Amino acid sequence: MALDRSAVRAWVAGQQAAEDRLLRERVHFLLHLSPDRSLQIYLGFWALRPSWPPTQPSPLLWSMREVIARLKQSASGTFG
């Protein structure tokens, strides 16, 4: 089955138009926030933060470090 080039182009153009509109709406929303509302949003995100101690790396960072360590071991010192 072959792709219809014009349909793909139309889809890509639609995706770009949607992305552009979302960006404009996001910028408009942020530019029109009052200081009180922006503080409320910030504090809401702060309350949702993970519960690990802030002096420790995130679980994602720990996982990335483990993968890099395994790559170093499997590459016999040629990695890094």
PDB file of N, CA and C in Angstrom:
ATOM      1  N   MET A   1       0.837  -1.181   0.000  1.00  0.00           N
ATOM      2  CA  MET A   1       0.000   0.000   0.000  1.00  0.00           C
ATOM      3  C   MET A   1       0.885   1.250   0.000  1.00  0.00           C
ATOM      4  N   ALA A   2       0.668   2.121  -0.922  1.00  0.00           N
ATOM      5  CA  ALA A   2       1.463   3.345  -1.045  1.00  0.00           C
ATOM      6  C   ALA A   2       0.768   4.491  -0.322  1.00  0.00           C
ATOM      7  N   LEU A   3       1.584   5.383   0.170  1.00  0.00           N
ATOM      8  CA  LEU A   3       1.044   6.571   0.821  1.00  0.00           C
ATOM      9  C   LEU A   3       0.641   7.607  -0.221  1.00  0.00           C
ATOM     10  N   ASP A   4      -0.448   8.275   0.053  1.00  0.00           N
ATOM     11  CA  ASP A   4      -0.903   9.366  -0.800  1.00  0.00           C
ATOM     12  C   ASP A   4      -0.160  10.623  -0.352  1.00  0.00           C
ATOM     13  N   ARG A   5       0.770  11.078  -1.200  1.00  0.00           N
ATOM     14  CA  ARG A   5       1.607  12.227  -0.828  1.00  0.00           C
ATOM     15  C   ARG A   5       0.796  13.452  -0.443  1.00  0.00           C
ATOM     16  N   SER A   6      -0.251  13.734  -1.180  1.00  0.00           N
ATOM     17  CA  SER A   6      -1.040  14.932  -0.872  1.00  0.00           C
ATOM     18  C   SER A   6      -1.755  14.785   0.476  1.00  0.00           C
ATOM     19  N   ALA A   7      -2.205  13.586   0.796  1.00  0.00           N
ATOM     20  CA  ALA A   7      -2.862  13.362   2.086  1.00  0.00           C
ATOM     21  C   ALA A   7      -1.848  13.504   3.222  1.00  0.00           C
ATOM     22  N   VAL A   8      -0.637  12.998   3.016  1.00  0.00           N
ATOM     23  CA  VAL A   8       0.398  13.113   4.037  1.00  0.00           C
ATOM     24  C   VAL A   8       0.773  14.580   4.232  1.00  0.00           C
ATOM     25  N   ARG A   9       0.930  15.304   3.140  1.00  0.00           N
ATOM     26  CA  ARG A   9       1.251  16.731   3.239  1.00  0.00           C
ATOM     27  C   ARG A   9       0.148  17.500   3.963  1.00  0.00           C
ATOM     28  N   ALA A  10      -1.098  17.168   3.649  1.00  0.00           N
ATOM     29  CA  ALA A  10      -2.222  17.832   4.306  1.00  0.00           C
ATOM     30  C   ALA A  10      -2.225  17.508   5.797  1.00  0.00           C
ATOM     31  N   TRP A  11      -1.928  16.259   6.147  1.00  0.00           N
ATOM     32  CA  TRP A  11      -1.878  15.867   7.561  1.00  0.00           C
ATOM     33  C   TRP A  11      -0.760  16.618   8.282  1.00  0.00           C
ATOM     34  N   VAL A  12       0.421  16.679   7.661  1.00  0.00           N
ATOM     35  CA  VAL A  12       1.557  17.382   8.277  1.00  0.00           C
ATOM     36  C   VAL A  12       1.226  18.864   8.432  1.00  0.00           C
ATOM     37  N   ALA A  13       0.608  19.452   7.436  1.00  0.00           N
ATOM     38  CA  ALA A  13       0.225  20.858   7.521  1.00  0.00           C
ATOM     39  C   ALA A  13      -0.787  21.068   8.637  1.00  0.00           C
ATOM     40  N   GLY A  14      -1.718  20.151   8.791  1.00  0.00           N
ATOM     41  CA  GLY A  14      -2.695  20.236   9.875  1.00  0.00           C
ATOM     42  C   GLY A  14      -2.038  20.125  11.233  1.00  0.00           C
ATOM     43  N   GLN A  15      -1.067  19.216  11.361  1.00  0.00           N
ATOM     44  CA  GLN A  15      -0.339  19.067  12.620  1.00  0.00           C
ATOM     45  C   GLN A  15       0.428  20.343  12.954  1.00  0.00           C
ATOM     46  N   GLN A  16       1.047  20.942  11.963  1.00  0.00           N
ATOM     47  CA  GLN A  16       1.794  22.176  12.178  1.00  0.00           C
ATOM     48  C   GLN A  16       0.861  23.315  12.570  1.00  0.00           C
ATOM     49  N   ALA A  17      -0.301  23.382  11.923  1.00  0.00           N
ATOM     50  CA  ALA A  17      -1.268  24.420  12.265  1.00  0.00           C
ATOM     51  C   ALA A  17      -1.758  24.245  13.701  1.00  0.00           C
ATOM     52  N   ALA A  18      -2.005  23.005  14.096  1.00  0.00           N
ATOM     53  CA  ALA A  18      -2.446  22.746  15.472  1.00  0.00           C
ATOM     54  C   ALA A  18      -1.349  23.119  16.465  1.00  0.00           C
ATOM     55  N   GLU A  19      -0.106  22.770  16.162  1.00  0.00           N
ATOM     56  CA  GLU A  19       1.013  23.117  17.038  1.00  0.00           C
ATOM     57  C   GLU A  19       1.157  24.629  17.164  1.00  0.00           C
ATOM     58  N   ASP A  20       1.027  25.334  16.052  1.00  0.00           N
ATOM     59  CA  ASP A  20       1.127  26.796  16.067  1.00  0.00           C
ATOM     60  C   ASP A  20       0.022  27.412  16.925  1.00  0.00           C
ATOM     61  N   ARG A  21      -1.190  26.893  16.783  1.00  0.00           N
ATOM     62  CA  ARG A  21      -2.310  27.435  17.556  1.00  0.00           C
ATOM     63  C   ARG A  21      -2.114  27.170  19.042  1.00  0.00           C
ATOM     64  N   LEU A  22      -1.687  25.960  19.383  1.00  0.00           N
ATOM     65  CA  LEU A  22      -1.447  25.645  20.796  1.00  0.00           C
ATOM     66  C   LEU A  22      -0.384  26.564  21.392  1.00  0.00           C
ATOM     67  N   LEU A  23       0.655  26.830  20.631  1.00  0.00           N
ATOM     68  CA  LEU A  23       1.708  27.721  21.109  1.00  0.00           C
ATOM     69  C   LEU A  23       1.158  29.129  21.338  1.00  0.00           C
ATOM     70  N   ARG A  24       0.385  29.628  20.386  1.00  0.00           N
ATOM     71  CA  ARG A  24      -0.201  30.967  20.541  1.00  0.00           C
ATOM     72  C   ARG A  24      -1.109  31.027  21.766  1.00  0.00           C
ATOM     73  N   GLU A  25      -1.927  29.978  21.961  1.00  0.00           N
ATOM     74  CA  GLU A  25      -2.828  29.958  23.108  1.00  0.00           C
ATOM     75  C   GLU A  25      -2.050  29.876  24.418  1.00  0.00           C
ATOM     76  N   ARG A  26      -0.971  29.093  24.449  1.00  0.00           N
ATOM     77  CA  ARG A  26      -0.154  28.973  25.656  1.00  0.00           C
ATOM     78  C   ARG A  26       0.486  30.318  25.996  1.00  0.00           C
ATOM     79  N   VAL A  27       1.036  30.983  24.981  1.00  0.00           N
ATOM     80  CA  VAL A  27       1.667  32.285  25.207  1.00  0.00           C
ATOM     81  C   VAL A  27       0.625  33.289  25.695  1.00  0.00           C
ATOM     82  N   HIS A  28      -0.533  33.310  25.072  1.00  0.00           N
ATOM     83  CA  HIS A  28      -1.595  34.226  25.479  1.00  0.00           C
ATOM     84  C   HIS A  28      -1.984  33.971  26.931  1.00  0.00           C
ATOM     85  N   PHE A  29      -2.169  32.706  27.293  1.00  0.00           N
ATOM     86  CA  PHE A  29      -2.527  32.346  28.668  1.00  0.00           C
ATOM     87  C   PHE A  29      -1.471  32.837  29.655  1.00  0.00           C
ATOM     88  N   LEU A  30      -0.210  32.575  29.353  1.00  0.00           N
ATOM     89  CA  LEU A  30       0.863  32.948  30.276  1.00  0.00           C
ATOM     90  C   LEU A  30       1.032  34.453  30.392  1.00  0.00           C
ATOM     91  N   LEU A  31       0.871  35.163  29.281  1.00  0.00           N
ATOM     92  CA  LEU A  31       1.023  36.616  29.317  1.00  0.00           C
ATOM     93  C   LEU A  31      -0.078  37.302  30.103  1.00  0.00           C
ATOM     94  N   HIS A  32      -1.220  36.660  30.217  1.00  0.00           N
ATOM     95  CA  HIS A  32      -2.356  37.291  30.880  1.00  0.00           C
ATOM     96  C   HIS A  32      -2.594  36.765  32.297  1.00  0.00           C
ATOM     97  N   LEU A  33      -1.650  36.047  32.854  1.00  0.00           N
ATOM     98  CA  LEU A  33      -1.778  35.572  34.229  1.00  0.00           C
ATOM     99  C   LEU A  33      -1.507  36.715  35.203  1.00  0.00           C
ATOM    100  N   SER A  34      -2.312  36.764  36.218  1.00  0.00           N
ATOM    101  CA  SER A  34      -2.028  37.733  37.279  1.00  0.00           C
ATOM    102  C   SER A  34      -0.938  37.150  38.171  1.00  0.00           C
ATOM    103  N   PRO A  35      -0.243  37.989  38.906  1.00  0.00           N
ATOM    104  CA  PRO A  35       0.763  37.453  39.830  1.00  0.00           C
ATOM    105  C   PRO A  35       0.174  36.463  40.833  1.00  0.00           C
ATOM    106  N   ASP A  36      -1.036  36.725  41.328  1.00  0.00           N
ATOM    107  CA  ASP A  36      -1.665  35.809  42.277  1.00  0.00           C
ATOM    108  C   ASP A  36      -1.969  34.449  41.632  1.00  0.00           C
ATOM    109  N   ARG A  37      -2.495  34.484  40.426  1.00  0.00           N
ATOM    110  CA  ARG A  37      -2.830  33.227  39.744  1.00  0.00           C
ATOM    111  C   ARG A  37      -1.566  32.437  39.412  1.00  0.00           C
ATOM    112  N   SER A  38      -0.520  33.105  38.969  1.00  0.00           N
ATOM    113  CA  SER A  38       0.718  32.390  38.650  1.00  0.00           C
ATOM    114  C   SER A  38       1.318  31.781  39.915  1.00  0.00           C
ATOM    115  N   LEU A  39       1.192  32.476  41.048  1.00  0.00           N
ATOM    116  CA  LEU A  39       1.670  31.916  42.313  1.00  0.00           C
ATOM    117  C   LEU A  39       0.853  30.689  42.696  1.00  0.00           C
ATOM    118  N   GLN A  40      -0.463  30.737  42.503  1.00  0.00           N
ATOM    119  CA  GLN A  40      -1.312  29.580  42.787  1.00  0.00           C
ATOM    120  C   GLN A  40      -0.895  28.367  41.952  1.00  0.00           C
ATOM    121  N   ILE A  41      -0.631  28.597  40.677  1.00  0.00           N
ATOM    122  CA  ILE A  41      -0.218  27.505  39.793  1.00  0.00           C
ATOM    123  C   ILE A  41       1.124  26.952  40.240  1.00  0.00           C
ATOM    124  N   TYR A  42       2.061  27.836  40.534  1.00  0.00           N
ATOM    125  CA  TYR A  42       3.381  27.405  40.983  1.00  0.00           C
ATOM    126  C   TYR A  42       3.266  26.567  42.256  1.00  0.00           C
ATOM    127  N   LEU A  43       2.525  27.056  43.229  1.00  0.00           N
ATOM    128  CA  LEU A  43       2.378  26.320  44.484  1.00  0.00           C
ATOM    129  C   LEU A  43       1.658  24.991  44.281  1.00  0.00           C
ATOM    130  N   GLY A  44       0.742  24.950  43.329  1.00  0.00           N
ATOM    131  CA  GLY A  44       0.079  23.687  43.000  1.00  0.00           C
ATOM    132  C   GLY A  44       1.058  22.677  42.448  1.00  0.00           C
ATOM    133  N   PHE A  45       1.916  23.110  41.550  1.00  0.00           N
ATOM    134  CA  PHE A  45       2.953  22.202  41.019  1.00  0.00           C
ATOM    135  C   PHE A  45       3.927  21.803  42.123  1.00  0.00           C
ATOM    136  N   TRP A  46       4.270  22.746  42.991  1.00  0.00           N
ATOM    137  CA  TRP A  46       5.204  22.458  44.085  1.00  0.00           C
ATOM    138  C   TRP A  46       4.622  21.356  44.985  1.00  0.00           C
ATOM    139  N   ALA A  47       3.324  21.417  45.230  1.00  0.00           N
ATOM    140  CA  ALA A  47       2.679  20.419  46.080  1.00  0.00           C
ATOM    141  C   ALA A  47       2.685  19.035  45.433  1.00  0.00           C
ATOM    142  N   LEU A  48       2.775  18.971  44.115  1.00  0.00           N
ATOM    143  CA  LEU A  48       2.773  17.696  43.394  1.00  0.00           C
ATOM    144  C   LEU A  48       4.168  17.107  43.222  1.00  0.00           C
ATOM    145  N   ARG A  49       5.189  17.820  43.708  1.00  0.00           N
ATOM    146  CA  ARG A  49       6.552  17.360  43.485  1.00  0.00           C
ATOM    147  C   ARG A  49       6.754  15.991  44.118  1.00  0.00           C
ATOM    148  N   PRO A  50       7.692  15.224  43.596  1.00  0.00           N
ATOM    149  CA  PRO A  50       7.962  13.898  44.166  1.00  0.00           C
ATOM    150  C   PRO A  50       8.417  14.014  45.618  1.00  0.00           C
ATOM    151  N   SER A  51       8.265  12.933  46.346  1.00  0.00           N
ATOM    152  CA  SER A  51       8.535  12.975  47.776  1.00  0.00           C
ATOM    153  C   SER A  51       9.965  12.614  48.150  1.00  0.00           C
ATOM    154  N   TRP A  52      10.830  12.278  47.176  1.00  0.00           N
ATOM    155  CA  TRP A  52      12.201  11.942  47.552  1.00  0.00           C
ATOM    156  C   TRP A  52      12.919  13.193  48.065  1.00  0.00           C
ATOM    157  N   PRO A  53      13.950  12.994  48.884  1.00  0.00           N
ATOM    158  CA  PRO A  53      14.668  14.165  49.410  1.00  0.00           C
ATOM    159  C   PRO A  53      15.276  14.990  48.272  1.00  0.00           C
ATOM    160  N   PRO A  54      15.186  16.314  48.355  1.00  0.00           N
ATOM    161  CA  PRO A  54      15.684  17.150  47.262  1.00  0.00           C
ATOM    162  C   PRO A  54      17.207  17.077  47.094  1.00  0.00           C
ATOM    163  N   THR A  55      17.904  16.509  48.080  1.00  0.00           N
ATOM    164  CA  THR A  55      19.356  16.393  47.937  1.00  0.00           C
ATOM    165  C   THR A  55      19.747  15.145  47.154  1.00  0.00           C
ATOM    166  N   GLN A  56      18.781  14.287  46.834  1.00  0.00           N
ATOM    167  CA  GLN A  56      19.050  13.054  46.103  1.00  0.00           C
ATOM    168  C   GLN A  56      18.631  13.210  44.643  1.00  0.00           C
ATOM    169  N   PRO A  57      19.334  12.552  43.722  1.00  0.00           N
ATOM    170  CA  PRO A  57      18.912  12.589  42.320  1.00  0.00           C
ATOM    171  C   PRO A  57      17.550  11.911  42.145  1.00  0.00           C
ATOM    172  N   SER A  58      16.869  12.264  41.103  1.00  0.00           N
ATOM    173  CA  SER A  58      15.569  11.671  40.826  1.00  0.00           C
ATOM    174  C   SER A  58      15.727  10.194  40.465  1.00  0.00           C
ATOM    175  N   PRO A  59      14.655   9.408  40.587  1.00  0.00           N
ATOM    176  CA  PRO A  59      14.720   7.999  40.177  1.00  0.00           C
ATOM    177  C   PRO A  59      15.128   7.845  38.711  1.00  0.00           C
ATOM    178  N   LEU A  60      14.706   8.759  37.860  1.00  0.00           N
ATOM    179  CA  LEU A  60      15.106   8.701  36.462  1.00  0.00           C
ATOM    180  C   LEU A  60      16.609   8.875  36.320  1.00  0.00           C
ATOM    181  N   LEU A  61      17.177   9.816  37.044  1.00  0.00           N
ATOM    182  CA  LEU A  61      18.619  10.033  36.981  1.00  0.00           C
ATOM    183  C   LEU A  61      19.365   8.815  37.507  1.00  0.00           C
ATOM    184  N   TRP A  62      18.868   8.209  38.581  1.00  0.00           N
ATOM    185  CA  TRP A  62      19.508   6.988  39.093  1.00  0.00           C
ATOM    186  C   TRP A  62      19.498   5.899  38.025  1.00  0.00           C
ATOM    187  N   SER A  63      18.361   5.733  37.338  1.00  0.00           N
ATOM    188  CA  SER A  63      18.254   4.724  36.288  1.00  0.00           C
ATOM    189  C   SER A  63      19.237   5.003  35.159  1.00  0.00           C
ATOM    190  N   MET A  64      19.349   6.268  34.771  1.00  0.00           N
ATOM    191  CA  MET A  64      20.282   6.622  33.704  1.00  0.00           C
ATOM    192  C   MET A  64      21.718   6.321  34.121  1.00  0.00           C
ATOM    193  N   ARG A  65      22.054   6.612  35.374  1.00  0.00           N
ATOM    194  CA  ARG A  65      23.400   6.329  35.866  1.00  0.00           C
ATOM    195  C   ARG A  65      23.684   4.827  35.848  1.00  0.00           C
ATOM    196  N   GLU A  66      22.693   4.015  36.216  1.00  0.00           N
ATOM    197  CA  GLU A  66      22.867   2.566  36.209  1.00  0.00           C
ATOM    198  C   GLU A  66      23.105   2.048  34.795  1.00  0.00           C
ATOM    199  N   VAL A  67      22.354   2.563  33.840  1.00  0.00           N
ATOM    200  CA  VAL A  67      22.521   2.142  32.447  1.00  0.00           C
ATOM    201  C   VAL A  67      23.916   2.507  31.947  1.00  0.00           C
ATOM    202  N   ILE A  68      24.368   3.713  32.244  1.00  0.00           N
ATOM    203  CA  ILE A  68      25.703   4.150  31.808  1.00  0.00           C
ATOM    204  C   ILE A  68      26.775   3.283  32.451  1.00  0.00           C
ATOM    205  N   ALA A  69      26.599   2.946  33.727  1.00  0.00           N
ATOM    206  CA  ALA A  69      27.577   2.083  34.405  1.00  0.00           C
ATOM    207  C   ALA A  69      27.625   0.706  33.748  1.00  0.00           C
ATOM    208  N   ARG A  70      26.448   0.160  33.392  1.00  0.00           N
ATOM    209  CA  ARG A  70      26.425  -1.143  32.709  1.00  0.00           C
ATOM    210  C   ARG A  70      27.066  -1.060  31.331  1.00  0.00           C
ATOM    211  N   LEU A  71      26.824   0.046  30.629  1.00  0.00           N
ATOM    212  CA  LEU A  71      27.458   0.210  29.314  1.00  0.00           C
ATOM    213  C   LEU A  71      28.969   0.266  29.447  1.00  0.00           C
ATOM    214  N   LYS A  72      29.436   0.964  30.465  1.00  0.00           N
ATOM    215  CA  LYS A  72      30.882   1.043  30.678  1.00  0.00           C
ATOM    216  C   LYS A  72      31.464  -0.342  30.958  1.00  0.00           C
ATOM    217  N   GLN A  73      30.786  -1.129  31.766  1.00  0.00           N
ATOM    218  CA  GLN A  73      31.265  -2.465  32.089  1.00  0.00           C
ATOM    219  C   GLN A  73      31.247  -3.376  30.864  1.00  0.00           C
ATOM    220  N   SER A  74      30.162  -3.313  30.092  1.00  0.00           N
ATOM    221  CA  SER A  74      30.063  -4.212  28.939  1.00  0.00           C
ATOM    222  C   SER A  74      30.998  -3.824  27.808  1.00  0.00           C
ATOM    223  N   ALA A  75      31.390  -2.542  27.749  1.00  0.00           N
ATOM    224  CA  ALA A  75      32.294  -2.087  26.689  1.00  0.00           C
ATOM    225  C   ALA A  75      33.760  -2.257  27.087  1.00  0.00           C
ATOM    226  N   SER A  76      34.001  -2.834  28.242  1.00  0.00           N
ATOM    227  CA  SER A  76      35.368  -3.085  28.735  1.00  0.00           C
ATOM    228  C   SER A  76      36.215  -1.819  28.739  1.00  0.00           C
ATOM    229  N   GLY A  77      35.666  -0.742  29.194  1.00  0.00           N
ATOM    230  CA  GLY A  77      36.433   0.481  29.327  1.00  0.00           C
ATOM    231  C   GLY A  77      36.519   1.325  28.071  1.00  0.00           C
ATOM    232  N   THR A  78      35.887   0.940  26.977  1.00  0.00           N
ATOM    233  CA  THR A  78      35.938   1.747  25.762  1.00  0.00           C
ATOM    234  C   THR A  78      34.879   2.831  25.765  1.00  0.00           C
ATOM    235  N   PHE A  79      33.901   2.741  26.678  1.00  0.00           N
ATOM    236  CA  PHE A  79      32.859   3.766  26.757  1.00  0.00           C
ATOM    237  C   PHE A  79      33.244   4.779  27.807  1.00  0.00           C
ATOM    238  N   GLY A  80      33.313   6.047  27.416  1.00  0.00           N
ATOM    239  CA  GLY A  80      33.566   7.121  28.364  1.00  0.00           C
ATOM    240  C   GLY A  80      34.966   7.335  28.663  1.00  0.00           C
TER     241      GLY A  80
END
